[in-house]
Amino acid sequence: MTWLLPDLSLRLTHYRPRSRHARTAPSVLTAVRVQRDTRAWRTTDLLLGLAVPGGTTARIVRSEEFAAAVAGQVLRSADADLALRVVHRTLEEISRHRHDLGAWLTSRGVYEIWPPL
C-alpha cells in the first residue's frame, strides 16, 4: 500500500507480509521529487527515507545508496539537498509525535487510518 504526500515531497509505503505469521515490516517514508502536469503525476525517488516501525524510534534508511548516488553524481545536488531537508524535517516532526505515524499524519491533516485495512 502506498500513499503520495506531494506537498511534503514524501511517499508513504507499507509492505504487507506474504505470510500471516511473518513479522510486519515498518512503514517507510521516502523523499521524492514530485512533478505534476494536467494528466499525470511523476515521482523521482531521492534514495533516502525513514523507517517508522511503530512503537519504537524512526530511523533513516537507504543512506548508503543515497551516498553512492551523490558521490557518483547520479543524483543531482539540488535533489540531494531536497532529500536531506525532507528526511530531517520529517524525522524531527515524527519525533515530536513520539514516533507515532498516525499522530503525525493527523497533525498534517490526514485523518485516514494508516496502514489502511
PDB file of N, CA and C in Angstrom:
ATOM      1  N   MET A   1       0.858  -1.163   0.000  1.00  0.00           N
ATOM      2  CA  MET A   1       0.000   0.000   0.000  1.00  0.00           C
ATOM      3  C   MET A   1       0.905   1.228   0.000  1.00  0.00           C
ATOM      4  N   THR A   2       0.606   2.190  -0.880  1.00  0.00           N
ATOM      5  CA  THR A   2       1.413   3.400  -0.987  1.00  0.00           C
ATOM      6  C   THR A   2       0.521   4.626  -1.085  1.00  0.00           C
ATOM      7  N   TRP A   3       0.895   5.659  -0.348  1.00  0.00           N
ATOM      8  CA  TRP A   3       0.259   6.958  -0.453  1.00  0.00           C
ATOM      9  C   TRP A   3       1.310   7.955  -0.886  1.00  0.00           C
ATOM     10  N   LEU A   4       0.919   8.919  -1.681  1.00  0.00           N
ATOM     11  CA  LEU A   4       1.789  10.010  -2.072  1.00  0.00           C
ATOM     12  C   LEU A   4       1.366  11.247  -1.289  1.00  0.00           C
ATOM     13  N   LEU A   5       2.333  11.880  -0.635  1.00  0.00           N
ATOM     14  CA  LEU A   5       2.099  13.120   0.094  1.00  0.00           C
ATOM     15  C   LEU A   5       2.872  14.219  -0.642  1.00  0.00           C
ATOM     16  N   PRO A   6       2.318  14.718  -1.759  1.00  0.00           N
ATOM     17  CA  PRO A   6       3.087  15.588  -2.652  1.00  0.00           C
ATOM     18  C   PRO A   6       3.521  16.899  -2.027  1.00  0.00           C
ATOM     19  N   ASP A   7       2.704  17.489  -1.178  1.00  0.00           N
ATOM     20  CA  ASP A   7       3.075  18.764  -0.561  1.00  0.00           C
ATOM     21  C   ASP A   7       4.248  18.626   0.397  1.00  0.00           C
ATOM     22  N   LEU A   8       4.503  17.394   0.854  1.00  0.00           N
ATOM     23  CA  LEU A   8       5.610  17.138   1.773  1.00  0.00           C
ATOM     24  C   LEU A   8       6.805  16.512   1.060  1.00  0.00           C
ATOM     25  N   SER A   9       6.672  16.239  -0.228  1.00  0.00           N
ATOM     26  CA  SER A   9       7.702  15.542  -1.023  1.00  0.00           C
ATOM     27  C   SER A   9       8.016  14.175  -0.431  1.00  0.00           C
ATOM     28  N   LEU A  10       6.945  13.447  -0.058  1.00  0.00           N
ATOM     29  CA  LEU A  10       7.100  12.130   0.556  1.00  0.00           C
ATOM     30  C   LEU A  10       6.184  11.100  -0.097  1.00  0.00           C
ATOM     31  N   ARG A  11       6.662   9.861  -0.076  1.00  0.00           N
ATOM     32  CA  ARG A  11       5.863   8.695  -0.449  1.00  0.00           C
ATOM     33  C   ARG A  11       5.845   7.798   0.782  1.00  0.00           C
ATOM     34  N   LEU A  12       4.656   7.394   1.211  1.00  0.00           N
ATOM     35  CA  LEU A  12       4.485   6.553   2.391  1.00  0.00           C
ATOM     36  C   LEU A  12       4.098   5.162   1.930  1.00  0.00           C
ATOM     37  N   THR A  13       4.887   4.165   2.319  1.00  0.00           N
ATOM     38  CA  THR A  13       4.664   2.793   1.864  1.00  0.00           C
ATOM     39  C   THR A  13       4.599   1.848   3.054  1.00  0.00           C
ATOM     40  N   HIS A  14       3.687   0.903   2.961  1.00  0.00           N
ATOM     41  CA  HIS A  14       3.578  -0.168   3.954  1.00  0.00           C
ATOM     42  C   HIS A  14       3.550  -1.485   3.193  1.00  0.00           C
ATOM     43  N   TYR A  15       4.502  -2.337   3.490  1.00  0.00           N
ATOM     44  CA  TYR A  15       4.586  -3.645   2.827  1.00  0.00           C
ATOM     45  C   TYR A  15       3.872  -4.682   3.678  1.00  0.00           C
ATOM     46  N   ARG A  16       2.947  -5.380   3.088  1.00  0.00           N
ATOM     47  CA  ARG A  16       2.239  -6.454   3.790  1.00  0.00           C
ATOM     48  C   ARG A  16       3.057  -7.732   3.667  1.00  0.00           C
ATOM     49  N   PRO A  17       3.226  -8.449   4.764  1.00  0.00           N
ATOM     50  CA  PRO A  17       3.967  -9.710   4.676  1.00  0.00           C
ATOM     51  C   PRO A  17       3.182 -10.736   3.860  1.00  0.00           C
ATOM     52  N   ARG A  18       3.900 -11.603   3.194  1.00  0.00           N
ATOM     53  CA  ARG A  18       3.239 -12.637   2.377  1.00  0.00           C
ATOM     54  C   ARG A  18       2.587 -13.706   3.248  1.00  0.00           C
ATOM     55  N   SER A  19       3.167 -13.963   4.377  1.00  0.00           N
ATOM     56  CA  SER A  19       2.642 -14.979   5.284  1.00  0.00           C
ATOM     57  C   SER A  19       1.921 -14.309   6.455  1.00  0.00           C
ATOM     58  N   ARG A  20       0.858 -14.930   6.912  1.00  0.00           N
ATOM     59  CA  ARG A  20       0.143 -14.405   8.077  1.00  0.00           C
ATOM     60  C   ARG A  20       1.013 -14.410   9.315  1.00  0.00           C
ATOM     61  N   HIS A  21       2.015 -15.280   9.336  1.00  0.00           N
ATOM     62  CA  HIS A  21       2.834 -15.458  10.528  1.00  0.00           C
ATOM     63  C   HIS A  21       4.118 -14.623  10.505  1.00  0.00           C
ATOM     64  N   ALA A  22       4.354 -13.964   9.412  1.00  0.00           N
ATOM     65  CA  ALA A  22       5.568 -13.156   9.296  1.00  0.00           C
ATOM     66  C   ALA A  22       5.419 -11.856  10.089  1.00  0.00           C
ATOM     67  N   ARG A  23       6.545 -11.329  10.519  1.00  0.00           N
ATOM     68  CA  ARG A  23       6.538 -10.042  11.216  1.00  0.00           C
ATOM     69  C   ARG A  23       6.188  -8.943  10.224  1.00  0.00           C
ATOM     70  N   THR A  24       5.457  -7.945  10.695  1.00  0.00           N
ATOM     71  CA  THR A  24       5.122  -6.841   9.812  1.00  0.00           C
ATOM     72  C   THR A  24       6.345  -5.946   9.624  1.00  0.00           C
ATOM     73  N   ALA A  25       6.503  -5.454   8.431  1.00  0.00           N
ATOM     74  CA  ALA A  25       7.604  -4.552   8.127  1.00  0.00           C
ATOM     75  C   ALA A  25       7.209  -3.136   8.544  1.00  0.00           C
ATOM     76  N   PRO A  26       8.203  -2.291   8.850  1.00  0.00           N
ATOM     77  CA  PRO A  26       7.868  -0.915   9.215  1.00  0.00           C
ATOM     78  C   PRO A  26       7.338  -0.142   8.007  1.00  0.00           C
ATOM     79  N   SER A  27       6.570   0.885   8.272  1.00  0.00           N
ATOM     80  CA  SER A  27       6.177   1.801   7.211  1.00  0.00           C
ATOM     81  C   SER A  27       7.415   2.599   6.826  1.00  0.00           C
ATOM     82  N   VAL A  28       7.498   2.988   5.563  1.00  0.00           N
ATOM     83  CA  VAL A  28       8.661   3.728   5.079  1.00  0.00           C
ATOM     84  C   VAL A  28       8.200   5.019   4.416  1.00  0.00           C
ATOM     85  N   LEU A  29       8.777   6.123   4.872  1.00  0.00           N
ATOM     86  CA  LEU A  29       8.580   7.424   4.240  1.00  0.00           C
ATOM     87  C   LEU A  29       9.803   7.685   3.381  1.00  0.00           C
ATOM     88  N   THR A  30       9.611   7.862   2.088  1.00  0.00           N
ATOM     89  CA  THR A  30      10.718   8.074   1.165  1.00  0.00           C
ATOM     90  C   THR A  30      10.626   9.473   0.577  1.00  0.00           C
ATOM     91  N   ALA A  31      11.747  10.186   0.549  1.00  0.00           N
ATOM     92  CA  ALA A  31      11.792  11.502  -0.087  1.00  0.00           C
ATOM     93  C   ALA A  31      11.658  11.328  -1.594  1.00  0.00           C
ATOM     94  N   VAL A  32      10.787  12.124  -2.196  1.00  0.00           N
ATOM     95  CA  VAL A  32      10.575  12.076  -3.634  1.00  0.00           C
ATOM     96  C   VAL A  32      10.455  13.495  -4.188  1.00  0.00           C
ATOM     97  N   ARG A  33      10.829  13.643  -5.441  1.00  0.00           N
ATOM     98  CA  ARG A  33      10.545  14.887  -6.163  1.00  0.00           C
ATOM     99  C   ARG A  33       9.288  14.615  -6.961  1.00  0.00           C
ATOM    100  N   VAL A  34       8.291  15.487  -6.821  1.00  0.00           N
ATOM    101  CA  VAL A  34       7.001  15.290  -7.477  1.00  0.00           C
ATOM    102  C   VAL A  34       6.857  16.309  -8.606  1.00  0.00           C
ATOM    103  N   GLN A  35       6.521  15.798  -9.783  1.00  0.00           N
ATOM    104  CA  GLN A  35       6.236  16.653 -10.933  1.00  0.00           C
ATOM    105  C   GLN A  35       4.798  16.391 -11.344  1.00  0.00           C
ATOM    106  N   ARG A  36       4.034  17.454 -11.498  1.00  0.00           N
ATOM    107  CA  ARG A  36       2.634  17.321 -11.878  1.00  0.00           C
ATOM    108  C   ARG A  36       2.414  17.999 -13.228  1.00  0.00           C
ATOM    109  N   ASP A  37       1.607  17.382 -14.045  1.00  0.00           N
ATOM    110  CA  ASP A  37       1.108  18.069 -15.228  1.00  0.00           C
ATOM    111  C   ASP A  37      -0.398  17.842 -15.264  1.00  0.00           C
ATOM    112  N   THR A  38      -1.043  18.205 -16.325  1.00  0.00           N
ATOM    113  CA  THR A  38      -2.508  18.146 -16.345  1.00  0.00           C
ATOM    114  C   THR A  38      -3.076  16.741 -16.259  1.00  0.00           C
ATOM    115  N   ARG A  39      -2.315  15.732 -16.695  1.00  0.00           N
ATOM    116  CA  ARG A  39      -2.860  14.374 -16.730  1.00  0.00           C
ATOM    117  C   ARG A  39      -2.168  13.387 -15.817  1.00  0.00           C
ATOM    118  N   ALA A  40      -0.987  13.714 -15.324  1.00  0.00           N
ATOM    119  CA  ALA A  40      -0.238  12.702 -14.571  1.00  0.00           C
ATOM    120  C   ALA A  40       0.638  13.345 -13.502  1.00  0.00           C
ATOM    121  N   TRP A  41       0.981  12.516 -12.536  1.00  0.00           N
ATOM    122  CA  TRP A  41       1.940  12.882 -11.504  1.00  0.00           C
ATOM    123  C   TRP A  41       3.120  11.946 -11.669  1.00  0.00           C
ATOM    124  N   ARG A  42       4.314  12.479 -11.641  1.00  0.00           N
ATOM    125  CA  ARG A  42       5.519  11.656 -11.721  1.00  0.00           C
ATOM    126  C   ARG A  42       6.351  11.902 -10.480  1.00  0.00           C
ATOM    127  N   THR A  43       6.926  10.830  -9.966  1.00  0.00           N
ATOM    128  CA  THR A  43       7.806  10.974  -8.806  1.00  0.00           C
ATOM    129  C   THR A  43       9.187  10.443  -9.154  1.00  0.00           C
ATOM    130  N   THR A  44      10.178  11.074  -8.572  1.00  0.00           N
ATOM    131  CA  THR A  44      11.547  10.605  -8.670  1.00  0.00           C
ATOM    132  C   THR A  44      11.993  10.247  -7.273  1.00  0.00           C
ATOM    133  N   ASP A  45      12.372   9.002  -7.074  1.00  0.00           N
ATOM    134  CA  ASP A  45      12.839   8.519  -5.780  1.00  0.00           C
ATOM    135  C   ASP A  45      14.193   9.168  -5.489  1.00  0.00           C
ATOM    136  N   LEU A  46      14.305   9.832  -4.345  1.00  0.00           N
ATOM    137  CA  LEU A  46      15.541  10.524  -3.986  1.00  0.00           C
ATOM    138  C   LEU A  46      16.448   9.677  -3.094  1.00  0.00           C
ATOM    139  N   LEU A  47      16.127   8.396  -2.967  1.00  0.00           N
ATOM    140  CA  LEU A  47      17.014   7.385  -2.368  1.00  0.00           C
ATOM    141  C   LEU A  47      17.338   7.593  -0.897  1.00  0.00           C
ATOM    142  N   LEU A  48      16.487   8.310  -0.179  1.00  0.00           N
ATOM    143  CA  LEU A  48      16.694   8.490   1.254  1.00  0.00           C
ATOM    144  C   LEU A  48      15.328   8.464   1.910  1.00  0.00           C
ATOM    145  N   GLY A  49      15.225   7.816   3.057  1.00  0.00           N
ATOM    146  CA  GLY A  49      13.927   7.726   3.693  1.00  0.00           C
ATOM    147  C   GLY A  49      14.012   7.450   5.173  1.00  0.00           C
ATOM    148  N   LEU A  50      12.834   7.236   5.756  1.00  0.00           N
ATOM    149  CA  LEU A  50      12.691   6.915   7.176  1.00  0.00           C
ATOM    150  C   LEU A  50      11.881   5.641   7.316  1.00  0.00           C
ATOM    151  N   ALA A  51      12.356   4.732   8.136  1.00  0.00           N
ATOM    152  CA  ALA A  51      11.569   3.562   8.511  1.00  0.00           C
ATOM    153  C   ALA A  51      10.912   3.900   9.844  1.00  0.00           C
ATOM    154  N   VAL A  52       9.599   3.732   9.896  1.00  0.00           N
ATOM    155  CA  VAL A  52       8.843   4.050  11.106  1.00  0.00           C
ATOM    156  C   VAL A  52       8.140   2.777  11.547  1.00  0.00           C
ATOM    157  N   PRO A  53       8.795   2.003  12.451  1.00  0.00           N
ATOM    158  CA  PRO A  53       8.240   0.700  12.812  1.00  0.00           C
ATOM    159  C   PRO A  53       7.003   0.766  13.699  1.00  0.00           C
ATOM    160  N   GLY A  54       6.756   1.862  14.346  1.00  0.00           N
ATOM    161  CA  GLY A  54       5.619   1.963  15.263  1.00  0.00           C
ATOM    162  C   GLY A  54       5.999   1.435  16.628  1.00  0.00           C
ATOM    163  N   GLY A  55       5.885   2.288  17.607  1.00  0.00           N
ATOM    164  CA  GLY A  55       6.225   1.886  18.965  1.00  0.00           C
ATOM    165  C   GLY A  55       7.705   2.046  19.289  1.00  0.00           C
ATOM    166  N   THR A  56       8.535   2.236  18.287  1.00  0.00           N
ATOM    167  CA  THR A  56       9.957   2.462  18.520  1.00  0.00           C
ATOM    168  C   THR A  56      10.421   3.634  17.654  1.00  0.00           C
ATOM    169  N   THR A  57      11.651   4.018  17.822  1.00  0.00           N
ATOM    170  CA  THR A  57      12.211   5.178  17.150  1.00  0.00           C
ATOM    171  C   THR A  57      12.312   4.999  15.638  1.00  0.00           C
ATOM    172  N   ALA A  58      11.919   6.035  14.906  1.00  0.00           N
ATOM    173  CA  ALA A  58      12.104   6.041  13.457  1.00  0.00           C
ATOM    174  C   ALA A  58      13.594   6.132  13.163  1.00  0.00           C
ATOM    175  N   ARG A  59      14.002   5.584  12.014  1.00  0.00           N
ATOM    176  CA  ARG A  59      15.421   5.644  11.663  1.00  0.00           C
ATOM    177  C   ARG A  59      15.583   5.932  10.181  1.00  0.00           C
ATOM    178  N   ILE A  60      16.676   6.602   9.847  1.00  0.00           N
ATOM    179  CA  ILE A  60      16.980   6.921   8.465  1.00  0.00           C
ATOM    180  C   ILE A  60      17.430   5.645   7.759  1.00  0.00           C
ATOM    181  N   VAL A  61      16.909   5.427   6.547  1.00  0.00           N
ATOM    182  CA  VAL A  61      17.241   4.225   5.776  1.00  0.00           C
ATOM    183  C   VAL A  61      17.740   4.612   4.389  1.00  0.00           C
ATOM    184  N   ARG A  62      18.442   3.678   3.771  1.00  0.00           N
ATOM    185  CA  ARG A  62      18.989   3.784   2.428  1.00  0.00           C
ATOM    186  C   ARG A  62      20.086   4.841   2.316  1.00  0.00           C
ATOM    187  N   SER A  63      20.729   5.174   3.417  1.00  0.00           N
ATOM    188  CA  SER A  63      21.751   6.222   3.394  1.00  0.00           C
ATOM    189  C   SER A  63      22.965   5.824   2.554  1.00  0.00           C
ATOM    190  N   GLU A  64      23.321   4.524   2.528  1.00  0.00           N
ATOM    191  CA  GLU A  64      24.461   4.093   1.726  1.00  0.00           C
ATOM    192  C   GLU A  64      24.171   4.267   0.231  1.00  0.00           C
ATOM    193  N   GLU A  65      22.967   3.889  -0.170  1.00  0.00           N
ATOM    194  CA  GLU A  65      22.561   4.033  -1.569  1.00  0.00           C
ATOM    195  C   GLU A  65      22.524   5.520  -1.955  1.00  0.00           C
ATOM    196  N   PHE A  66      22.006   6.350  -1.049  1.00  0.00           N
ATOM    197  CA  PHE A  66      21.954   7.789  -1.270  1.00  0.00           C
ATOM    198  C   PHE A  66      23.366   8.362  -1.419  1.00  0.00           C
ATOM    199  N   ALA A  67      24.268   7.997  -0.514  1.00  0.00           N
ATOM    200  CA  ALA A  67      25.643   8.499  -0.559  1.00  0.00           C
ATOM    201  C   ALA A  67      26.346   8.088  -1.851  1.00  0.00           C
ATOM    202  N   ALA A  68      26.133   6.858  -2.278  1.00  0.00           N
ATOM    203  CA  ALA A  68      26.755   6.388  -3.522  1.00  0.00           C
ATOM    204  C   ALA A  68      26.211   7.163  -4.724  1.00  0.00           C
ATOM    205  N   ALA A  69      24.917   7.453  -4.729  1.00  0.00           N
ATOM    206  CA  ALA A  69      24.324   8.198  -5.842  1.00  0.00           C
ATOM    207  C   ALA A  69      24.840   9.639  -5.874  1.00  0.00           C
ATOM    208  N   VAL A  70      25.038  10.228  -4.706  1.00  0.00           N
ATOM    209  CA  VAL A  70      25.584  11.591  -4.643  1.00  0.00           C
ATOM    210  C   VAL A  70      27.041  11.585  -5.090  1.00  0.00           C
ATOM    211  N   ALA A  71      27.824  10.647  -4.577  1.00  0.00           N
ATOM    212  CA  ALA A  71      29.250  10.569  -4.928  1.00  0.00           C
ATOM    213  C   ALA A  71      29.438  10.299  -6.415  1.00  0.00           C
ATOM    214  N   GLY A  72      28.589   9.469  -7.001  1.00  0.00           N
ATOM    215  CA  GLY A  72      28.687   9.137  -8.419  1.00  0.00           C
ATOM    216  C   GLY A  72      27.976  10.139  -9.311  1.00  0.00           C
ATOM    217  N   GLN A  73      27.454  11.199  -8.726  1.00  0.00           N
ATOM    218  CA  GLN A  73      26.730  12.256  -9.443  1.00  0.00           C
ATOM    219  C   GLN A  73      25.549  11.719 -10.239  1.00  0.00           C
ATOM    220  N   VAL A  74      24.965  10.633  -9.735  1.00  0.00           N
ATOM    221  CA  VAL A  74      23.738  10.093 -10.324  1.00  0.00           C
ATOM    222  C   VAL A  74      22.553  10.921  -9.853  1.00  0.00           C
ATOM    223  N   LEU A  75      22.647  11.424  -8.635  1.00  0.00           N
ATOM    224  CA  LEU A  75      21.608  12.257  -8.032  1.00  0.00           C
ATOM    225  C   LEU A  75      22.100  13.700  -8.080  1.00  0.00           C
ATOM    226  N   ARG A  76      21.299  14.582  -8.674  1.00  0.00           N
ATOM    227  CA  ARG A  76      21.681  15.994  -8.768  1.00  0.00           C
ATOM    228  C   ARG A  76      21.804  16.608  -7.373  1.00  0.00           C
ATOM    229  N   SER A  77      22.653  17.604  -7.232  1.00  0.00           N
ATOM    230  CA  SER A  77      22.874  18.212  -5.916  1.00  0.00           C
ATOM    231  C   SER A  77      21.593  18.847  -5.370  1.00  0.00           C
ATOM    232  N   ALA A  78      20.770  19.424  -6.234  1.00  0.00           N
ATOM    233  CA  ALA A  78      19.504  20.006  -5.778  1.00  0.00           C
ATOM    234  C   ALA A  78      18.575  18.928  -5.232  1.00  0.00           C
ATOM    235  N   ASP A  79      18.548  17.767  -5.870  1.00  0.00           N
ATOM    236  CA  ASP A  79      17.718  16.659  -5.387  1.00  0.00           C
ATOM    237  C   ASP A  79      18.275  16.091  -4.084  1.00  0.00           C
ATOM    238  N   ALA A  80      19.593  16.016  -3.970  1.00  0.00           N
ATOM    239  CA  ALA A  80      20.210  15.533  -2.726  1.00  0.00           C
ATOM    240  C   ALA A  80      19.887  16.475  -1.576  1.00  0.00           C
ATOM    241  N   ASP A  81      19.967  17.777  -1.819  1.00  0.00           N
ATOM    242  CA  ASP A  81      19.619  18.757  -0.783  1.00  0.00           C
ATOM    243  C   ASP A  81      18.161  18.628  -0.378  1.00  0.00           C
ATOM    244  N   LEU A  82      17.278  18.453  -1.368  1.00  0.00           N
ATOM    245  CA  LEU A  82      15.855  18.277  -1.074  1.00  0.00           C
ATOM    246  C   LEU A  82      15.639  17.039  -0.218  1.00  0.00           C
ATOM    247  N   ALA A  83      16.267  15.937  -0.576  1.00  0.00           N
ATOM    248  CA  ALA A  83      16.108  14.692   0.180  1.00  0.00           C
ATOM    249  C   ALA A  83      16.543  14.872   1.628  1.00  0.00           C
ATOM    250  N   LEU A  84      17.687  15.493   1.837  1.00  0.00           N
ATOM    251  CA  LEU A  84      18.179  15.705   3.207  1.00  0.00           C
ATOM    252  C   LEU A  84      17.237  16.601   4.002  1.00  0.00           C
ATOM    253  N   ARG A  85      16.772  17.687   3.399  1.00  0.00           N
ATOM    254  CA  ARG A  85      15.842  18.590   4.104  1.00  0.00           C
ATOM    255  C   ARG A  85      14.548  17.874   4.461  1.00  0.00           C
ATOM    256  N   VAL A  86      13.987  17.141   3.500  1.00  0.00           N
ATOM    257  CA  VAL A  86      12.707  16.454   3.709  1.00  0.00           C
ATOM    258  C   VAL A  86      12.836  15.395   4.805  1.00  0.00           C
ATOM    259  N   VAL A  87      13.864  14.563   4.739  1.00  0.00           N
ATOM    260  CA  VAL A  87      14.014  13.474   5.709  1.00  0.00           C
ATOM    261  C   VAL A  87      14.287  14.020   7.109  1.00  0.00           C
ATOM    262  N   HIS A  88      15.145  15.007   7.232  1.00  0.00           N
ATOM    263  CA  HIS A  88      15.447  15.548   8.564  1.00  0.00           C
ATOM    264  C   HIS A  88      14.260  16.307   9.148  1.00  0.00           C
ATOM    265  N   ARG A  89      13.537  17.063   8.321  1.00  0.00           N
ATOM    266  CA  ARG A  89      12.335  17.754   8.798  1.00  0.00           C
ATOM    267  C   ARG A  89      11.292  16.741   9.276  1.00  0.00           C
ATOM    268  N   THR A  90      11.102  15.687   8.488  1.00  0.00           N
ATOM    269  CA  THR A  90      10.098  14.682   8.828  1.00  0.00           C
ATOM    270  C   THR A  90      10.489  13.916  10.085  1.00  0.00           C
ATOM    271  N   LEU A  91      11.761  13.568  10.226  1.00  0.00           N
ATOM    272  CA  LEU A  91      12.219  12.881  11.436  1.00  0.00           C
ATOM    273  C   LEU A  91      11.970  13.753  12.662  1.00  0.00           C
ATOM    274  N   GLU A  92      12.256  15.035  12.559  1.00  0.00           N
ATOM    275  CA  GLU A  92      12.012  15.943  13.690  1.00  0.00           C
ATOM    276  C   GLU A  92      10.531  16.009  14.025  1.00  0.00           C
ATOM    277  N   GLU A  93       9.679  16.126  12.994  1.00  0.00           N
ATOM    278  CA  GLU A  93       8.235  16.191  13.229  1.00  0.00           C
ATOM    279  C   GLU A  93       7.710  14.900  13.850  1.00  0.00           C
ATOM    280  N   ILE A  94       8.126  13.764  13.334  1.00  0.00           N
ATOM    281  CA  ILE A  94       7.666  12.486  13.878  1.00  0.00           C
ATOM    282  C   ILE A  94       8.164  12.298  15.312  1.00  0.00           C
ATOM    283  N   SER A  95       9.362  12.771  15.601  1.00  0.00           N
ATOM    284  CA  SER A  95       9.903  12.686  16.963  1.00  0.00           C
ATOM    285  C   SER A  95       9.030  13.475  17.931  1.00  0.00           C
ATOM    286  N   ARG A  96       8.528  14.624  17.495  1.00  0.00           N
ATOM    287  CA  ARG A  96       7.640  15.425  18.346  1.00  0.00           C
ATOM    288  C   ARG A  96       6.339  14.699  18.647  1.00  0.00           C
ATOM    289  N   HIS A  97       5.979  13.734  17.802  1.00  0.00           N
ATOM    290  CA  HIS A  97       4.762  12.942  17.996  1.00  0.00           C
ATOM    291  C   HIS A  97       5.093  11.565  18.575  1.00  0.00           C
ATOM    292  N   ARG A  98       6.242  11.466  19.233  1.00  0.00           N
ATOM    293  CA  ARG A  98       6.697  10.232  19.891  1.00  0.00           C
ATOM    294  C   ARG A  98       6.760   9.048  18.922  1.00  0.00           C
ATOM    295  N   HIS A  99       7.151   9.328  17.700  1.00  0.00           N
ATOM    296  CA  HIS A  99       7.334   8.315  16.649  1.00  0.00           C
ATOM    297  C   HIS A  99       6.044   7.567  16.326  1.00  0.00           C
ATOM    298  N   ASP A 100       4.919   8.246  16.532  1.00  0.00           N
ATOM    299  CA  ASP A 100       3.597   7.700  16.218  1.00  0.00           C
ATOM    300  C   ASP A 100       3.180   8.233  14.843  1.00  0.00           C
ATOM    301  N   LEU A 101       3.258   7.378  13.841  1.00  0.00           N
ATOM    302  CA  LEU A 101       2.975   7.783  12.476  1.00  0.00           C
ATOM    303  C   LEU A 101       1.538   8.271  12.324  1.00  0.00           C
ATOM    304  N   GLY A 102       0.600   7.617  12.977  1.00  0.00           N
ATOM    305  CA  GLY A 102      -0.800   8.029  12.915  1.00  0.00           C
ATOM    306  C   GLY A 102      -1.009   9.426  13.467  1.00  0.00           C
ATOM    307  N   ALA A 103      -0.380   9.724  14.603  1.00  0.00           N
ATOM    308  CA  ALA A 103      -0.495  11.062  15.201  1.00  0.00           C
ATOM    309  C   ALA A 103       0.141  12.111  14.297  1.00  0.00           C
ATOM    310  N   TRP A 104       1.273  11.773  13.681  1.00  0.00           N
ATOM    311  CA  TRP A 104       1.934  12.711  12.777  1.00  0.00           C
ATOM    312  C   TRP A 104       1.054  12.985  11.558  1.00  0.00           C
ATOM    313  N   LEU A 105       0.468  11.924  10.979  1.00  0.00           N
ATOM    314  CA  LEU A 105      -0.418  12.111   9.826  1.00  0.00           C
ATOM    315  C   LEU A 105      -1.613  12.987  10.195  1.00  0.00           C
ATOM    316  N   THR A 106      -2.186  12.755  11.363  1.00  0.00           N
ATOM    317  CA  THR A 106      -3.317  13.560  11.812  1.00  0.00           C
ATOM    318  C   THR A 106      -2.913  15.030  11.935  1.00  0.00           C
ATOM    319  N   SER A 107      -1.721  15.293  12.465  1.00  0.00           N
ATOM    320  CA  SER A 107      -1.251  16.674  12.593  1.00  0.00           C
ATOM    321  C   SER A 107      -1.068  17.329  11.232  1.00  0.00           C
ATOM    322  N   ARG A 108      -0.891  16.532  10.194  1.00  0.00           N
ATOM    323  CA  ARG A 108      -0.723  17.029   8.832  1.00  0.00           C
ATOM    324  C   ARG A 108      -2.054  17.057   8.079  1.00  0.00           C
ATOM    325  N   GLY A 109      -3.173  16.767   8.772  1.00  0.00           N
ATOM    326  CA  GLY A 109      -4.487  16.838   8.151  1.00  0.00           C
ATOM    327  C   GLY A 109      -4.921  15.578   7.430  1.00  0.00           C
ATOM    328  N   VAL A 110      -4.216  14.460   7.669  1.00  0.00           N
ATOM    329  CA  VAL A 110      -4.588  13.178   7.063  1.00  0.00           C
ATOM    330  C   VAL A 110      -5.287  12.365   8.150  1.00  0.00           C
ATOM    331  N   TYR A 111      -6.582  12.163   7.980  1.00  0.00           N
ATOM    332  CA  TYR A 111      -7.378  11.505   9.025  1.00  0.00           C
ATOM    333  C   TYR A 111      -7.702  10.057   8.708  1.00  0.00           C
ATOM    334  N   GLU A 112      -7.174   9.527   7.622  1.00  0.00           N
ATOM    335  CA  GLU A 112      -7.353   8.115   7.288  1.00  0.00           C
ATOM    336  C   GLU A 112      -6.478   7.266   8.205  1.00  0.00           C
ATOM    337  N   ILE A 113      -6.887   6.050   8.459  1.00  0.00           N
ATOM    338  CA  ILE A 113      -6.108   5.126   9.288  1.00  0.00           C
ATOM    339  C   ILE A 113      -4.921   4.600   8.480  1.00  0.00           C
ATOM    340  N   TRP A 114      -3.740   4.594   9.108  1.00  0.00           N
ATOM    341  CA  TRP A 114      -2.547   4.039   8.460  1.00  0.00           C
ATOM    342  C   TRP A 114      -2.020   2.904   9.299  1.00  0.00           C
ATOM    343  N   PRO A 115      -1.654   1.781   8.756  1.00  0.00           N
ATOM    344  CA  PRO A 115      -1.882   1.411   7.366  1.00  0.00           C
ATOM    345  C   PRO A 115      -3.359   1.077   7.144  1.00  0.00           C
ATOM    346  N   PRO A 116      -3.825   1.324   5.929  1.00  0.00           N
ATOM    347  CA  PRO A 116      -5.230   1.024   5.613  1.00  0.00           C
ATOM    348  C   PRO A 116      -5.501  -0.470   5.802  1.00  0.00           C
ATOM    349  N   LEU A 117      -6.717  -0.768   6.162  1.00  0.00           N
ATOM    350  CA  LEU A 117      -7.096  -2.169   6.396  1.00  0.00           C
ATOM    351  C   LEU A 117      -7.241  -2.925   5.114  1.00  0.00           C
TER     352      LEU A 117
END
